[in-house]
Protein backbone atom coordinates (compact mmCIF):
# COMPACT_ATOMS: atom_id res chain seq x y z
CA MET A 1 109.11 30.00 82.25
CA THR A 2 108.17 30.01 78.57
CA ARG A 3 108.30 33.14 76.42
CA PRO A 4 104.46 33.40 76.10
CA ALA A 5 104.20 33.12 79.87
CA VAL A 6 106.80 35.86 80.32
CA ASN A 7 104.98 38.13 77.85
CA HIS A 8 101.67 37.47 79.61
CA PHE A 9 103.20 38.34 82.97
CA LEU A 10 104.80 41.54 81.61
CA CYS A 11 101.50 42.67 80.07
CA TRP A 12 99.72 42.06 83.38
CA TYR A 13 102.48 43.90 85.29
CA VAL A 14 102.36 46.96 83.03
CA ARG A 15 98.55 47.08 83.21
CA ARG A 16 98.58 46.69 86.99
CA PHE A 17 101.44 49.01 87.93
CA GLY A 18 101.97 51.16 84.85
CA GLY A 19 98.39 52.17 84.12
CA GLY A 20 98.33 50.11 80.92
CA ASP A 21 101.34 51.85 79.37
CA TRP A 22 104.59 53.54 80.32
CA PRO A 23 103.87 56.09 83.10
CA PHE A 24 105.11 59.11 81.13
CA LEU A 25 102.66 58.31 78.32
CA VAL A 26 99.81 57.81 80.78
CA ALA A 27 100.54 61.19 82.41
CA GLU A 28 100.80 62.95 79.03
CA ARG A 29 97.54 61.51 77.73
CA ARG A 30 95.75 62.44 80.92
CA TYR A 31 96.95 66.02 80.50
CA LEU A 32 95.68 66.20 76.91
CA GLN A 33 92.39 64.43 77.65
CA ALA A 34 91.68 66.77 80.56
CA ARG A 35 91.69 69.74 78.14
CA ILE A 36 88.74 68.35 76.15
CA GLU A 37 85.22 69.42 77.11
CA PRO A 38 82.47 66.76 76.95
CA GLY A 39 80.70 66.70 73.60
CA SER A 40 83.59 68.29 71.69
CA ALA A 41 84.57 67.62 68.10
CA VAL A 42 88.32 66.98 68.21
CA ALA A 43 91.17 66.44 65.75
CA ASP A 44 94.19 64.45 66.90
CA ILE A 45 97.03 65.59 64.63
CA GLY A 46 99.72 63.00 64.04
CA GLY A 47 97.59 60.56 66.03
CA GLY A 48 99.39 57.45 64.83
CA ASP A 49 97.90 54.21 66.14
CA GLY A 50 94.95 55.94 67.82
CA THR A 51 95.78 55.27 71.48
CA LEU A 52 95.23 58.90 72.45
CA ALA A 53 92.14 59.20 70.25
CA ASN A 54 90.51 56.25 72.01
CA GLY A 55 90.98 58.05 75.31
CA LEU A 56 89.64 61.31 73.92
CA ALA A 57 86.53 59.51 72.62
CA ILE A 58 85.37 58.84 76.18
CA ALA A 59 84.22 62.46 76.51
CA ALA A 60 84.33 63.81 72.95
CA ARG A 61 81.44 63.71 70.49
CA ARG A 62 83.76 62.94 67.55
CA VAL A 63 87.50 62.36 67.22
CA PHE A 64 89.38 62.55 63.92
CA ILE A 65 92.88 61.06 63.71
CA VAL A 66 94.92 62.92 61.09
CA ASP A 67 98.22 61.31 60.12
CA LYS A 68 100.40 61.59 57.02
CA GLU A 69 102.08 58.20 57.64
CA THR A 70 105.43 59.47 56.40
CA THR A 71 108.31 61.77 57.30
CA SER A 72 110.12 64.43 55.32
CA LEU A 73 113.40 64.12 57.25
CA PRO A 74 116.07 62.52 55.00
CA GLY A 75 117.50 59.36 56.53
CA ALA A 76 114.62 58.69 58.92
CA ASP A 77 113.19 55.18 59.08
CA PRO A 78 109.76 55.21 57.36
CA ARG A 79 108.72 52.03 59.19
CA HIS A 80 107.94 54.20 62.22
CA TYR A 81 105.04 55.73 60.26
CA GLU A 82 103.81 53.20 57.71
CA GLY A 83 100.41 51.64 58.39
CA ALA A 84 99.59 53.84 61.39
CA LEU A 85 96.02 54.57 60.30
CA ALA A 86 95.30 50.90 59.58
CA ARG A 87 96.44 50.07 63.10
CA ALA A 88 94.33 52.93 64.47
CA LYS A 89 91.27 51.62 62.63
CA ALA A 90 91.85 48.11 63.97
CA ARG A 91 92.22 49.40 67.53
CA CYS A 92 89.26 51.79 67.56
CA VAL A 93 87.12 51.23 70.63
CA SER A 94 84.38 53.63 69.53
CA ARG A 95 82.56 54.55 66.34
CA LYS A 96 83.25 58.16 67.29
CA VAL A 97 86.90 57.74 66.16
CA SER A 98 87.66 58.29 62.44
CA PRO A 99 91.21 57.87 61.02
CA ILE A 100 92.00 60.24 58.11
CA LYS A 101 95.15 60.49 56.01
CA GLY A 102 96.15 64.15 55.95
CA ASP A 103 98.74 66.84 56.54
CA GLY A 104 98.98 68.72 59.83
CA THR A 105 99.87 71.94 57.99
CA SER A 106 96.84 71.71 55.65
CA LEU A 107 94.02 70.23 57.68
CA PRO A 108 91.07 68.58 55.90
CA PHE A 109 88.38 70.37 57.94
CA ALA A 110 86.03 73.27 57.37
CA THR A 111 86.76 76.64 58.93
CA ALA A 112 85.59 76.94 62.55
CA SER A 113 84.34 73.33 62.57
CA LEU A 114 86.18 71.90 65.59
CA ASP A 115 86.05 72.53 69.32
CA ALA A 116 89.57 71.28 70.04
CA VAL A 117 92.79 70.11 68.44
CA VAL A 118 95.35 67.93 70.19
CA SER A 119 98.83 67.01 69.06
CA SER A 120 100.99 64.46 70.86
CA GLN A 121 104.65 64.27 69.82
CA PHE A 122 103.98 65.60 66.31
CA LEU A 123 105.60 69.03 65.95
CA GLU A 124 109.16 67.72 66.33
CA HIS A 125 108.55 65.64 63.19
CA ILE A 126 108.10 68.65 60.90
CA GLU A 127 110.56 71.35 59.92
CA GLN A 128 110.67 74.56 61.94
CA ALA A 129 109.36 76.50 58.91
CA ALA A 130 106.25 74.28 58.87
CA ARG A 131 105.34 74.88 62.51
CA PRO A 132 103.81 78.37 62.11
CA PRO A 133 101.49 77.03 59.34
CA PHE A 134 100.43 74.29 61.78
CA PHE A 135 99.26 76.90 64.29
CA VAL A 136 97.60 78.92 61.52
CA GLU A 137 95.66 75.85 60.36
CA CYS A 138 94.63 75.00 63.91
CA ALA A 139 93.33 78.56 64.35
CA ARG A 140 91.41 78.26 61.09
CA VAL A 141 89.59 75.03 61.91
CA LEU A 142 88.85 75.89 65.55
CA LYS A 143 85.74 77.69 66.68
CA PRO A 144 86.19 80.92 68.67
CA SER A 145 87.68 80.08 72.09
CA GLY A 146 88.59 76.60 70.79
CA ILE A 147 91.38 74.70 72.53
CA LEU A 148 94.75 73.55 71.17
CA ALA A 149 96.64 71.17 73.48
CA LEU A 150 99.99 69.69 72.52
CA SER A 151 103.08 67.87 73.69
CA THR A 152 106.52 67.98 72.10
CA PRO A 153 110.16 67.52 73.16
CA ASN A 154 111.78 70.61 74.65
CA GLY A 155 114.50 71.30 72.10
CA ALA A 156 116.40 73.84 74.21
CA HIS A 157 116.60 71.47 77.18
CA ILE A 158 117.59 68.43 75.11
CA ALA A 159 120.35 70.40 73.31
CA ARG A 160 121.97 71.14 76.70
CA ARG A 161 121.47 67.71 78.21
CA ARG A 162 124.28 65.13 78.09
CA PHE A 163 122.21 61.98 78.81
CA TRP A 164 125.19 60.76 80.79
CA PHE A 165 123.69 57.45 81.92
CA SER A 166 123.05 56.07 78.44
CA ALA A 167 126.43 57.39 77.23
CA LEU A 168 128.16 55.67 80.16
CA ALA A 169 126.32 52.43 79.47
CA ARG A 170 127.42 52.45 75.82
CA ASN A 171 131.03 52.96 76.93
CA VAL A 172 130.95 50.30 79.63
CA VAL A 173 129.03 47.53 77.84
CA PRO A 174 131.10 46.13 74.92
CA SER A 175 129.31 46.51 71.58
CA SER A 176 129.75 42.77 70.96
CA TRP A 177 127.68 42.10 74.10
CA ILE A 178 124.88 44.55 73.33
CA ALA A 179 123.57 42.61 70.33
CA ARG A 180 123.36 39.44 72.46
CA LEU A 181 121.48 40.99 75.37
CA PRO A 182 117.78 40.10 75.81
CA ARG A 183 115.39 42.70 74.38
CA LEU A 184 114.40 43.93 77.85
CA MET A 185 118.06 44.66 78.66
CA ARG A 186 118.76 46.39 75.35
CA GLY A 187 117.09 49.78 75.09
CA LEU A 188 117.25 51.97 72.01
CA TRP A 189 119.67 54.39 73.68
CA LEU A 190 122.02 51.49 74.48
CA GLU A 191 122.06 50.38 70.84
CA GLN A 192 122.70 53.89 69.49
CA ASP A 193 123.39 57.39 70.78
CA VAL A 194 120.50 59.77 71.32
CA ALA A 195 121.29 61.90 68.25
CA SER A 196 121.26 58.83 65.98
CA TRP A 197 118.00 57.67 67.51
CA GLU A 198 116.43 61.10 66.89
CA GLN A 199 117.54 60.96 63.26
CA SER A 200 116.04 57.48 62.89
CA VAL A 201 112.61 58.48 64.23
CA GLY A 202 112.53 61.75 62.27
CA HIS A 203 113.10 64.42 64.93
CA TYR A 204 114.08 67.89 63.68
CA ASP A 205 116.41 70.00 65.87
CA HIS A 206 115.92 67.85 69.02
CA GLY A 207 112.31 69.04 69.26
CA CYS A 208 110.76 72.49 69.62
CA ARG A 209 111.93 75.65 71.36
CA LEU A 210 109.45 77.15 73.82
CA ALA A 211 110.04 80.69 72.56
CA HIS A 212 109.31 79.62 68.96
CA LEU A 213 106.07 77.87 69.96
CA ARG A 214 104.90 80.91 71.89
CA ALA A 215 105.69 83.27 69.01
CA ALA A 216 104.01 81.04 66.39
CA SER A 217 100.91 80.50 68.51
CA LYS A 218 100.51 84.19 69.29
CA ALA A 219 100.92 85.16 65.63
CA ALA A 220 98.19 82.66 64.69
CA GLY A 221 95.74 84.15 67.20
CA PHE A 222 96.16 81.95 70.30
CA GLU A 223 96.66 82.80 73.95
CA GLU A 224 98.67 80.44 76.13
CA ILE A 225 96.65 79.24 79.12
CA ASP A 226 98.93 76.52 80.52
CA SER A 227 102.44 75.13 80.14
CA ARG A 228 104.46 72.59 82.08
CA CYS A 229 107.12 69.94 81.60
CA GLN A 230 107.61 66.20 81.92
CA HIS A 231 110.94 64.50 82.60
CA THR A 232 112.06 67.20 85.02
CA TRP A 233 114.65 66.53 87.75
CA LEU A 234 112.05 64.20 89.35
CA THR A 235 111.76 61.75 86.45
CA SER A 236 114.41 62.46 83.81
CA PHE A 237 116.72 59.70 85.11
CA TRP A 238 113.91 57.15 84.99
CA PHE A 239 113.05 58.15 81.43
CA GLU A 240 116.68 57.63 80.42
CA LEU A 241 116.75 54.31 82.28
CA LEU A 242 113.71 53.15 80.29
CA CYS A 243 115.42 54.04 77.01
CA THR A 244 118.67 52.28 78.07
CA PHE A 245 117.76 49.27 80.25
CA PRO A 246 113.96 48.74 80.10
CA ALA A 247 114.06 45.80 82.55
CA PHE A 248 115.45 47.96 85.36
CA PHE A 249 112.77 50.55 84.65
CA LEU A 250 110.11 47.84 84.89
CA VAL A 251 111.34 46.79 88.33
CA ALA A 252 110.92 50.36 89.56
CA LEU A 253 107.59 50.91 87.77
CA PRO A 254 105.37 51.49 90.87
CA LEU A 255 107.78 54.14 92.19
CA VAL A 256 108.19 55.72 88.75
CA ARG A 257 104.44 56.03 88.29
CA LEU A 258 104.19 57.84 91.64
CA LEU A 259 106.99 60.21 90.60
CA TYR A 260 105.25 61.09 87.33
CA TRP A 261 102.04 61.74 89.27
CA LEU A 262 103.95 64.11 91.55
CA GLU A 263 105.79 65.76 88.66
CA MET A 264 102.53 66.82 87.01
CA ARG A 265 101.54 68.63 90.22
CA VAL A 266 104.72 70.31 91.44
CA GLY A 267 104.81 73.20 88.97
CA THR A 268 106.66 74.25 85.84
CA PHE A 269 110.24 73.02 86.29
CA GLU A 270 112.14 72.74 83.02
CA GLY A 271 112.20 69.26 81.52
CA ILE A 272 112.62 67.17 78.39
CA ASN A 273 108.97 67.21 77.29
CA LEU A 274 106.75 70.30 76.89
CA LEU A 275 103.00 70.17 77.58
CA MET A 276 101.09 73.28 76.48
CA THR A 277 97.50 74.46 76.12
CA PHE A 278 96.29 77.42 74.04
CA ARG A 279 92.91 79.06 73.51
CA LYS A 280 91.88 80.70 70.26
CA CYS A 281 91.32 84.40 70.82
CA GLY A 282 87.84 85.41 69.68
CA THR A 283 87.23 85.63 65.94
CA HIS A 284 90.33 85.24 63.81
CA PRO A 285 90.60 86.74 60.29
CA LEU A 286 91.31 83.28 58.88
CA GLU A 287 87.70 82.31 59.56
CA ASP A 288 86.71 84.19 56.42
CA ARG A 289 88.25 81.37 54.38
CA THR A 290 85.91 78.88 52.73
CA TRP A 291 85.93 75.08 52.74
CA ARG A 292 89.04 73.36 51.50
């Protein structure tokens, strides 16, 4: 079978059995999209290539993708960020989606101008000192009772976790073999350890600590209305398998998708990825500020 034929088959397989993407991303986006009321004006902070924004645009009145297209973490690979907004613009499926270059800690919106803010895998890419200003800015731009929904790695859980499967694979498979393996048998966590991978993609401190997020959100004038985890004991092995040997994950894709569906309904077990929703409490003093 030729390479184009293989790629065509894999794309069909992922669409058919993976929901068009990896199951953990499908489940996360569904969580964030479900928090958006029809007709809302929404900002997607750190929205990258616009995949989430396109989903939000189904119900929203307007969706703004805000992305800085860079990282402040020394040693991180800037190629992960460069050109994100151009890709988002090319992939827009609706005129309701508008990519904007901007900073998540200094949002380019008027006070009380948005109904909702979403943030998928953004907070781990900024320093801990910059996270409280993120919540403050979200409170400023949201209308009273506006919604903030986010996802971010669970720093406390990741710091304790050994990721034994990928570590075992790196010890068992000779390094001289790894470079010669086909791409589908050579995941990022097989090529490098998890800490090195986090450094490369610009993750600070393994992610975010739940206690810190709750304190920063409360100080900014939010109340927490929902929190749960992905990659709990139900799916954490499959997530690690994807990052180590993607081909084996693909074989199990129908089962994995079912497990992620179950995981989102079983409760609040601790896991690798945090999913949280906040509501702005009434009128916040920051609303006295004028346009930026």
